[in-house]
Amino acid sequence: MAEVEIDRISALPEETKVSILSRLPITDAIRTSALSHSWHHLWTFLPGFHAYLHFKNKGPGPNLDNVGHILSSLRGPIRHFSLNCFPRKNQRSCLQHFLDLIFQKGGLWNLSLNCSGAMSRVQLLSFHALKDLDLRFVNISLPGDFGGFHQLTSLKLHDVCISQPDFQSLIDGSKKLTSIELSFNRIMLPKDAGFNGQPVSLTFNCPLLKYLSFDFYFDFDCGEEYSVKPKMIYAPCLDSVNVTASTETDSPLEELVWIGSAALKFMADIAHISHLSLNFNLLMCLPQVDVPHTLRAHFQQLKCLKLIGQLCYMDGRMFKVLCCLLRSMPSVENLELQYHEPWGFEKEKRLSECDPVHPNEYKKKEDGYLCLDQTLRTVAISMKNLRGLEDIMWMVHFILLNANVLELVKITYSNDNKVKSRLLENLCVVEKASAKAHVVFVNSSS
């Protein structure tokens, strides 16, 4: 007699099978209904919904109607909802319908919406159990009786349009926030506020906040929409901050001055942190406000400084900014420099405007650099192409000449080019302030 094969997967407990389905795309999970009677409609017990809906330029739009049917079919509370879509104009109202369905079922923990290029309008309902909120390319508002997201710990807003009162209410009503990421957001003033020529402000009173990423974005051509001018009121747990600026090489001087001034004031509010990350676009704005005379923030507890940006920005003006930063950070132990190459036309434009660094500028410094004298031990430089190292060799020289307790300079690159002998020779002849200093090249692609 032939042995009967046992379907061990179907014999699993129902909770286990639902857990398996939760790891599949929603469409694949629904298809399992055809496997056997024990799998029939088992997907309706899923605790969440994750979907990426896209369409080709010449094809039909995403079938968002199916999303509503799926949400209506789910039986229990919907804990997770993630939707990445490109709705057409006649489909943008669907998103509010989805949120209404989820609100009726209750229990939402994680909400992620990305409506690239659509700016769909939605009203955030009072999801009392919400822990993570990630919104991109949406126009959001809060209900009049909004009482806050009392369980929210993580907030990410990218290219979001929201009124200043709603924005402030969202921050103030989420006292458990530990992580906030804000970038490219546009703020609308109330209709009766009028235009006073100044960007709106946003205050942070976040007792549990540990990480903040903020992007300074200012556009004088956007009518009633303005960028946020942040003010840190209370954040005793704040430890790591990433500050960036969204500017172009041909940005108006007025924009650069405003961003530079606002960034300096904000940096004074966060001087107690231990990790700071800045992008070159932001550093480019600082010379416009005469940094050596205006950077009054002293980061006494800062241990790690990270600078990110394009190689073509590293010129004489940036060198002066870097020196000013190091003077205000007496306890820095780690310096990270992450470079990427610009587009060809942008590189040519920047190089034509470049203020070169003269060798006499980065010679041995006598005073004012406590971190170079006593604390800086590691420097990590990462780039794609080693050719860019020649453009910042002055930076390596400056560090080797002045860092008295330096132990390691690690240069990581990702292409297949070999380290040129003349680069090695250049580094070998550099005078080192620290006898323990080593320069190491690492090819991350090998």
Protein backbone atom coordinates (compact mmCIF):
# COMPACT_ATOMS: atom_id res chain seq x y z
CA MET A 1 0.00 0.00 0.00
CA ALA A 2 1.36 3.41 -0.99
CA GLU A 3 2.14 5.74 1.83
CA VAL A 4 -0.08 8.82 2.11
CA GLU A 5 1.96 12.02 2.07
CA ILE A 6 1.26 14.30 4.97
CA ASP A 7 0.77 18.00 4.29
CA ARG A 8 2.83 19.23 7.20
CA ILE A 9 2.44 22.90 6.32
CA SER A 10 -1.36 22.75 6.31
CA ALA A 11 -1.20 20.86 9.59
CA LEU A 12 0.49 23.78 11.30
CA PRO A 13 -1.49 25.75 13.89
CA GLU A 14 -3.59 28.54 12.43
CA GLU A 15 -1.56 31.21 14.23
CA THR A 16 1.63 29.89 12.63
CA LYS A 17 0.13 29.91 9.15
CA VAL A 18 -1.08 33.49 9.60
CA SER A 19 2.42 34.42 10.70
CA ILE A 20 3.78 32.86 7.49
CA LEU A 21 1.26 34.77 5.36
CA SER A 22 2.19 38.04 7.05
CA ARG A 23 5.65 37.72 5.50
CA LEU A 24 4.28 37.49 1.95
CA PRO A 25 3.12 40.26 -0.38
CA ILE A 26 -0.61 40.75 0.13
CA THR A 27 -1.48 39.43 -3.36
CA ASP A 28 0.45 36.19 -2.74
CA ALA A 29 -1.16 35.79 0.66
CA ILE A 30 -4.62 36.04 -0.92
CA ARG A 31 -3.74 33.41 -3.54
CA THR A 32 -3.12 30.83 -0.81
CA SER A 33 -6.89 30.53 -0.45
CA ALA A 34 -6.76 28.18 -3.43
CA LEU A 35 -4.37 25.72 -1.74
CA SER A 36 -6.85 23.84 0.37
CA HIS A 37 -9.88 24.22 2.61
CA SER A 38 -7.69 24.94 5.64
CA TRP A 39 -6.13 27.91 3.86
CA HIS A 40 -9.40 29.32 2.54
CA HIS A 41 -9.71 32.99 3.51
CA LEU A 42 -6.99 32.53 6.13
CA TRP A 43 -5.44 35.76 4.84
CA THR A 44 -8.35 37.72 6.26
CA PHE A 45 -6.81 37.22 9.71
CA LEU A 46 -3.69 39.13 8.70
CA PRO A 47 -2.80 41.98 11.06
CA GLY A 48 -1.65 44.34 8.34
CA PHE A 49 -1.39 45.42 4.72
CA HIS A 50 1.76 46.17 2.72
CA ALA A 51 1.60 47.00 -0.99
CA TYR A 52 3.61 48.76 -3.65
CA LEU A 53 1.32 49.80 -6.53
CA HIS A 54 2.89 51.15 -9.67
CA PHE A 55 2.04 51.59 -13.32
CA LYS A 56 3.85 52.09 -16.59
CA ASN A 57 3.67 55.45 -18.32
CA LYS A 58 1.36 54.08 -21.03
CA GLY A 59 -0.57 51.65 -18.87
CA PRO A 60 -3.60 51.99 -16.60
CA GLY A 61 -3.38 53.42 -13.11
CA PRO A 62 -3.09 51.25 -9.99
CA ASN A 63 -6.19 49.34 -9.01
CA LEU A 64 -6.73 51.09 -5.71
CA ASP A 65 -10.30 49.78 -5.53
CA ASN A 66 -8.89 46.38 -4.61
CA VAL A 67 -7.14 47.91 -1.61
CA GLY A 68 -10.44 49.04 -0.14
CA HIS A 69 -11.94 45.58 -0.67
CA ILE A 70 -8.96 43.92 1.02
CA LEU A 71 -9.09 46.26 4.01
CA SER A 72 -12.83 45.62 4.40
CA SER A 73 -12.21 41.86 4.32
CA LEU A 74 -9.58 41.84 7.06
CA ARG A 75 -11.29 40.66 10.25
CA GLY A 76 -9.18 41.81 13.15
CA PRO A 77 -7.54 45.11 14.05
CA ILE A 78 -5.17 46.33 11.32
CA ARG A 79 -1.82 46.81 13.06
CA HIS A 80 0.27 47.76 10.02
CA PHE A 81 -0.64 49.66 6.87
CA SER A 82 1.97 50.52 4.25
CA LEU A 83 1.07 51.79 0.79
CA ASN A 84 3.46 53.06 -1.89
CA CYS A 85 1.44 54.22 -4.89
CA PHE A 86 1.11 56.74 -7.73
CA PRO A 87 -2.59 57.64 -7.70
CA ARG A 88 -4.13 59.60 -10.51
CA LYS A 89 -6.16 62.72 -9.79
CA ASN A 90 -9.47 60.83 -9.75
CA GLN A 91 -8.05 58.27 -7.31
CA ARG A 92 -6.58 60.54 -4.64
CA SER A 93 -9.71 60.47 -2.48
CA CYS A 94 -9.21 56.72 -2.04
CA LEU A 95 -6.50 57.26 0.56
CA GLN A 96 -8.91 58.94 2.98
CA HIS A 97 -11.35 56.05 2.47
CA PHE A 98 -8.57 53.61 3.41
CA LEU A 99 -7.74 55.51 6.59
CA ASP A 100 -11.43 55.60 7.54
CA LEU A 101 -11.66 51.80 7.14
CA ILE A 102 -8.54 51.27 9.25
CA PHE A 103 -9.82 53.65 11.92
CA GLN A 104 -13.07 51.69 12.18
CA LYS A 105 -11.16 48.47 12.85
CA GLY A 106 -8.86 50.19 15.36
CA GLY A 107 -5.50 49.19 16.77
CA LEU A 108 -3.19 50.68 14.11
CA TRP A 109 0.50 50.65 15.15
CA ASN A 110 2.39 51.51 11.97
CA LEU A 111 1.24 53.80 9.14
CA SER A 112 3.30 54.46 6.01
CA LEU A 113 2.02 56.36 2.95
CA ASN A 114 4.08 57.32 -0.08
CA CYS A 115 2.18 58.97 -2.91
CA SER A 116 5.08 60.00 -5.14
CA GLY A 117 4.27 63.00 -7.28
CA ALA A 118 0.60 63.10 -6.26
CA MET A 119 0.36 65.13 -3.02
CA SER A 120 -2.89 63.38 -2.09
CA ARG A 121 -4.90 65.10 0.63
CA VAL A 122 -5.62 63.09 3.79
CA GLN A 123 -6.83 63.85 7.29
CA LEU A 124 -5.02 61.94 10.02
CA LEU A 125 -7.53 60.46 12.42
CA SER A 126 -6.90 59.88 16.12
CA PHE A 127 -5.14 56.53 15.94
CA HIS A 128 -4.56 56.20 19.68
CA ALA A 129 -2.27 53.14 19.39
CA LEU A 130 -0.10 54.54 16.56
CA LYS A 131 3.64 54.03 17.18
CA ASP A 132 5.28 54.76 13.81
CA LEU A 133 4.18 57.36 11.24
CA ASP A 134 5.92 57.72 7.87
CA LEU A 135 4.35 60.08 5.31
CA ARG A 136 5.74 61.12 1.93
CA PHE A 137 4.23 63.32 -0.77
CA VAL A 138 0.90 63.89 0.96
CA ASN A 139 -1.08 66.95 2.00
CA ILE A 140 -2.16 66.28 5.57
CA SER A 141 -4.45 67.90 8.12
CA LEU A 142 -5.60 67.04 11.62
CA PRO A 143 -9.19 66.84 12.88
CA GLY A 144 -10.48 69.65 15.07
CA ASP A 145 -10.68 67.32 18.08
CA PHE A 146 -7.16 65.94 17.60
CA GLY A 147 -5.90 64.80 20.98
CA GLY A 148 -2.43 63.68 19.95
CA PHE A 149 -0.72 60.38 19.22
CA HIS A 150 0.14 59.37 22.76
CA GLN A 151 2.00 56.17 21.78
CA LEU A 152 3.89 57.59 18.78
CA THR A 153 7.66 57.05 19.01
CA SER A 154 8.83 57.56 15.41
CA LEU A 155 7.79 60.35 13.02
CA LYS A 156 9.02 60.73 9.42
CA LEU A 157 7.68 63.47 7.15
CA HIS A 158 9.18 63.92 3.67
CA ASP A 159 7.80 66.43 1.18
CA VAL A 160 4.64 66.85 3.20
CA CYS A 161 2.33 69.87 3.03
CA ILE A 162 0.77 70.80 6.36
CA SER A 163 -0.44 73.93 8.14
CA GLN A 164 1.76 75.41 10.85
CA PRO A 165 -0.86 74.92 13.65
CA ASP A 166 -1.36 71.26 12.66
CA PHE A 167 2.37 70.70 12.45
CA GLN A 168 2.87 72.12 15.93
CA SER A 169 -0.08 70.12 17.30
CA LEU A 170 1.38 66.94 15.83
CA ILE A 171 4.68 67.48 17.64
CA ASP A 172 3.16 68.72 20.90
CA GLY A 173 0.63 65.87 21.00
CA SER A 174 3.26 63.14 20.70
CA LYS A 175 5.21 63.24 23.96
CA LYS A 176 6.72 59.76 23.54
CA LEU A 177 8.60 60.63 20.34
CA THR A 178 12.14 59.29 20.33
CA SER A 179 12.93 59.81 16.63
CA ILE A 180 11.90 62.63 14.24
CA GLU A 181 12.93 62.99 10.58
CA LEU A 182 11.75 66.07 8.66
CA SER A 183 12.79 66.95 5.10
CA PHE A 184 11.48 69.04 2.19
CA ASN A 185 8.29 69.86 4.09
CA ARG A 186 6.17 72.86 3.17
CA ILE A 187 4.21 74.78 5.76
CA MET A 188 1.00 76.65 5.03
CA LEU A 189 0.07 79.63 7.14
CA PRO A 190 -3.57 79.95 8.25
CA LYS A 191 -5.61 82.03 5.80
CA ASP A 192 -6.11 84.82 8.34
CA ALA A 193 -2.42 84.97 9.34
CA GLY A 194 -1.27 87.07 6.41
CA PHE A 195 2.26 87.28 5.05
CA ASN A 196 4.87 88.96 7.20
CA GLY A 197 7.87 87.99 5.10
CA GLN A 198 9.23 85.56 7.70
CA PRO A 199 9.24 81.74 7.72
CA VAL A 200 7.03 80.08 10.30
CA SER A 201 8.56 78.58 13.42
CA LEU A 202 8.29 75.11 14.92
CA THR A 203 9.19 74.42 18.54
CA PHE A 204 10.28 71.05 19.89
CA ASN A 205 9.27 70.13 23.43
CA CYS A 206 10.11 66.42 23.38
CA PRO A 207 11.24 64.95 26.72
CA LEU A 208 12.12 61.51 25.23
CA LEU A 209 13.55 62.57 21.86
CA LYS A 210 16.90 60.88 21.07
CA TYR A 211 17.34 61.39 17.31
CA LEU A 212 16.40 64.34 15.10
CA SER A 213 16.98 64.83 11.39
CA PHE A 214 16.06 68.26 10.08
CA ASP A 215 16.35 69.71 6.58
CA PHE A 216 16.44 73.47 6.05
CA TYR A 217 14.40 74.17 2.95
CA PHE A 218 13.50 77.66 1.81
CA ASP A 219 11.75 78.65 -1.41
CA PHE A 220 10.85 82.27 -2.06
CA ASP A 221 8.63 81.35 -5.02
CA CYS A 222 6.12 79.11 -3.25
CA GLY A 223 3.54 81.69 -2.21
CA GLU A 224 1.94 80.87 1.15
CA GLU A 225 4.24 77.92 1.79
CA TYR A 226 7.35 78.51 3.86
CA SER A 227 10.09 76.50 5.41
CA VAL A 228 10.28 75.77 9.08
CA LYS A 229 12.52 77.69 11.44
CA PRO A 230 13.10 75.20 14.28
CA LYS A 231 13.53 76.01 17.95
CA MET A 232 14.56 73.35 20.46
CA ILE A 233 12.76 74.12 23.71
CA TYR A 234 13.22 70.95 25.74
CA ALA A 235 14.90 67.70 24.67
CA PRO A 236 17.16 66.46 27.50
CA CYS A 237 17.59 62.97 25.95
CA LEU A 238 18.60 64.24 22.49
CA ASP A 239 21.86 62.53 21.53
CA SER A 240 22.15 62.46 17.74
CA VAL A 241 21.19 65.14 15.19
CA ASN A 242 21.42 65.25 11.41
CA VAL A 243 21.14 68.77 9.94
CA THR A 244 20.97 69.30 6.19
CA ALA A 245 20.06 72.02 3.72
CA SER A 246 18.35 71.63 0.36
CA THR A 247 20.08 74.24 -1.77
CA GLU A 248 21.50 74.46 -5.26
CA THR A 249 24.81 75.85 -6.46
CA ASP A 250 22.98 78.81 -7.99
CA SER A 251 20.67 79.46 -5.04
CA PRO A 252 20.01 83.17 -4.33
CA LEU A 253 22.32 84.75 -1.78
CA GLU A 254 19.32 85.73 0.34
CA GLU A 255 18.35 82.07 0.65
CA LEU A 256 21.89 81.01 1.65
CA VAL A 257 22.11 83.77 4.26
CA TRP A 258 18.75 82.82 5.79
CA ILE A 259 19.59 79.11 5.97
CA GLY A 260 23.04 79.83 7.41
CA SER A 261 21.66 82.15 10.08
CA ALA A 262 18.78 79.81 11.02
CA ALA A 263 21.12 76.80 11.16
CA LEU A 264 23.55 78.56 13.49
CA LYS A 265 20.76 79.46 15.91
CA PHE A 266 19.44 75.91 15.82
CA MET A 267 22.91 74.46 16.43
CA ALA A 268 23.16 76.59 19.55
CA ASP A 269 20.01 74.84 20.84
CA ILE A 270 21.49 71.35 20.41
CA ALA A 271 25.00 71.94 21.77
CA HIS A 272 24.58 69.14 24.36
CA ILE A 273 24.45 66.26 21.83
CA SER A 274 27.20 63.66 21.25
CA HIS A 275 26.67 62.89 17.53
CA LEU A 276 26.25 65.53 14.81
CA SER A 277 25.91 65.04 11.06
CA LEU A 278 25.98 67.93 8.57
CA ASN A 279 25.79 68.00 4.80
CA PHE A 280 27.98 70.16 2.58
CA ASN A 281 24.99 72.13 1.30
CA LEU A 282 24.45 73.39 4.83
CA LEU A 283 28.15 74.14 5.33
CA MET A 284 28.09 76.09 2.06
CA CYS A 285 25.56 78.46 3.65
CA LEU A 286 27.63 79.15 6.76
CA PRO A 287 30.36 81.31 5.10
CA GLN A 288 27.59 83.66 4.01
CA VAL A 289 27.08 84.67 7.65
CA ASP A 290 30.76 84.95 8.63
CA VAL A 291 30.98 81.75 10.67
CA PRO A 292 34.15 82.48 12.70
CA HIS A 293 32.36 85.37 14.36
CA THR A 294 28.89 83.85 14.74
CA LEU A 295 29.33 80.18 15.74
CA ARG A 296 28.90 80.59 19.47
CA ALA A 297 27.69 77.06 20.15
CA HIS A 298 30.30 74.96 21.94
CA PHE A 299 29.61 71.25 21.62
CA GLN A 300 31.37 70.21 24.82
CA GLN A 301 29.99 66.65 24.76
CA LEU A 302 30.22 65.94 21.03
CA LYS A 303 32.10 62.71 20.30
CA CYS A 304 31.41 62.13 16.60
CA LEU A 305 31.17 64.63 13.73
CA LYS A 306 30.03 63.44 10.30
CA LEU A 307 30.15 65.53 7.12
CA ILE A 308 28.38 64.36 3.98
CA GLY A 309 28.40 65.85 0.50
CA GLN A 310 30.00 66.39 -2.86
CA LEU A 311 33.74 66.59 -3.34
CA CYS A 312 33.53 69.76 -5.40
CA TYR A 313 32.36 71.73 -2.33
CA MET A 314 35.62 71.15 -0.46
CA ASP A 315 37.41 74.42 -1.12
CA GLY A 316 39.03 77.19 0.90
CA ARG A 317 35.75 78.51 2.25
CA MET A 318 34.77 75.03 3.43
CA PHE A 319 38.18 74.64 5.06
CA LYS A 320 37.54 77.73 7.18
CA VAL A 321 34.14 76.37 8.19
CA LEU A 322 35.70 73.04 9.15
CA CYS A 323 38.32 74.79 11.27
CA CYS A 324 35.59 76.78 13.01
CA LEU A 325 33.62 73.61 13.74
CA LEU A 326 36.64 71.82 15.18
CA ARG A 327 37.39 74.79 17.43
CA SER A 328 33.88 74.58 18.88
CA MET A 329 34.06 70.79 19.47
CA PRO A 330 36.80 70.15 22.04
CA SER A 331 35.91 66.49 22.76
CA VAL A 332 35.47 65.02 19.26
CA GLU A 333 36.97 61.53 19.00
CA ASN A 334 35.71 60.43 15.58
CA LEU A 335 35.49 62.40 12.35
CA GLU A 336 33.63 60.89 9.38
CA LEU A 337 33.79 62.34 5.88
CA GLN A 338 31.47 60.81 3.30
CA TYR A 339 31.90 62.08 -0.25
CA HIS A 340 30.04 61.43 -3.47
CA GLU A 341 30.80 62.73 -6.93
CA PRO A 342 28.52 65.39 -8.47
CA TRP A 343 27.06 65.39 -11.95
CA GLY A 344 29.45 66.59 -14.62
CA PHE A 345 27.89 70.02 -15.25
CA GLU A 346 27.55 70.72 -11.53
CA LYS A 347 31.17 69.76 -10.92
CA GLU A 348 32.37 72.05 -13.70
CA LYS A 349 30.31 74.94 -12.32
CA ARG A 350 31.58 74.44 -8.77
CA LEU A 351 35.22 74.06 -9.83
CA SER A 352 34.98 77.29 -11.80
CA GLU A 353 33.86 79.06 -8.61
CA CYS A 354 36.22 77.19 -6.31
CA ASP A 355 38.30 79.02 -3.74
CA PRO A 356 41.44 76.83 -3.53
CA VAL A 357 43.07 75.87 -0.26
CA HIS A 358 46.62 77.17 -0.01
CA PRO A 359 49.28 74.96 1.64
CA ASN A 360 50.15 77.60 4.22
CA GLU A 361 46.55 77.45 5.52
CA TYR A 362 46.65 73.86 6.67
CA LYS A 363 50.05 73.85 8.32
CA LYS A 364 50.56 73.09 11.99
CA LYS A 365 48.11 75.03 14.18
CA GLU A 366 49.36 76.38 17.45
CA ASP A 367 46.23 76.80 19.53
CA GLY A 368 42.44 76.70 19.64
CA TYR A 369 42.01 73.06 18.56
CA LEU A 370 41.55 71.07 21.75
CA CYS A 371 40.08 68.09 19.88
CA LEU A 372 43.16 67.91 17.65
CA ASP A 373 45.44 68.26 20.65
CA GLN A 374 43.76 65.78 22.99
CA THR A 375 40.84 63.67 21.68
CA LEU A 376 40.64 63.03 17.91
CA ARG A 377 41.67 59.40 17.36
CA THR A 378 39.96 58.12 14.21
CA VAL A 379 39.13 59.65 10.84
CA ALA A 380 37.00 57.72 8.34
CA ILE A 381 36.85 58.94 4.74
CA SER A 382 34.55 57.16 2.27
CA MET A 383 34.18 57.81 -1.45
CA LYS A 384 33.35 55.94 -4.61
CA ASN A 385 36.36 56.89 -6.71
CA LEU A 386 39.85 57.35 -5.36
CA ARG A 387 40.47 60.08 -7.91
CA GLY A 388 38.52 62.36 -5.61
CA LEU A 389 41.10 61.90 -2.89
CA GLU A 390 43.47 64.22 -4.74
CA ASP A 391 40.90 67.01 -4.36
CA ILE A 392 40.88 66.68 -0.58
CA MET A 393 44.49 65.72 0.06
CA TRP A 394 44.83 69.01 1.92
CA MET A 395 42.25 67.68 4.39
CA VAL A 396 44.31 64.56 5.08
CA HIS A 397 47.46 66.69 5.41
CA PHE A 398 45.76 69.04 7.84
CA ILE A 399 44.60 66.18 10.08
CA LEU A 400 47.93 64.34 10.05
CA LEU A 401 49.82 67.53 10.80
CA ASN A 402 47.66 68.59 13.72
CA ALA A 403 46.05 65.57 15.41
CA ASN A 404 48.38 64.73 18.29
CA VAL A 405 46.65 61.53 19.46
CA LEU A 406 45.44 60.30 16.05
CA GLU A 407 45.55 56.51 15.62
CA LEU A 408 43.84 55.77 12.32
CA VAL A 409 42.87 57.40 9.03
CA LYS A 410 40.70 54.92 7.14
CA ILE A 411 39.99 55.66 3.47
CA THR A 412 37.24 53.48 1.99
CA TYR A 413 36.47 53.42 -1.73
CA SER A 414 34.11 51.24 -3.79
CA ASN A 415 35.53 51.15 -7.32
CA ASP A 416 38.16 48.80 -8.71
CA ASN A 417 40.91 51.36 -9.19
CA LYS A 418 44.18 50.64 -7.47
CA VAL A 419 45.72 53.08 -5.07
CA LYS A 420 48.09 55.21 -7.11
CA SER A 421 51.70 55.17 -6.03
CA ARG A 422 51.95 58.95 -6.04
CA LEU A 423 49.09 59.13 -3.53
CA LEU A 424 51.00 56.81 -1.24
CA GLU A 425 54.18 58.78 -1.73
CA ASN A 426 52.31 61.98 -0.94
CA LEU A 427 51.07 60.53 2.33
CA CYS A 428 54.44 59.03 3.26
CA VAL A 429 56.20 62.38 3.20
CA VAL A 430 53.58 64.16 5.29
CA GLU A 431 54.74 65.05 8.77
CA LYS A 432 52.60 63.33 11.40
CA ALA A 433 51.86 64.84 14.79
CA SER A 434 51.08 61.40 16.21
CA ALA A 435 53.58 58.54 16.06
CA LYS A 436 50.66 56.06 16.28
CA ALA A 437 48.87 57.42 13.20
CA HIS A 438 48.27 54.92 10.39
CA VAL A 439 46.64 55.49 7.01
CA VAL A 440 44.69 52.49 5.70
CA PHE A 441 42.98 52.02 2.30
CA VAL A 442 39.99 49.68 2.11
CA ASN A 443 38.26 48.58 -1.11
CA SER A 444 34.68 47.82 -0.08
CA SER A 445 33.88 46.16 -3.43
CA SER A 446 36.47 43.41 -3.02
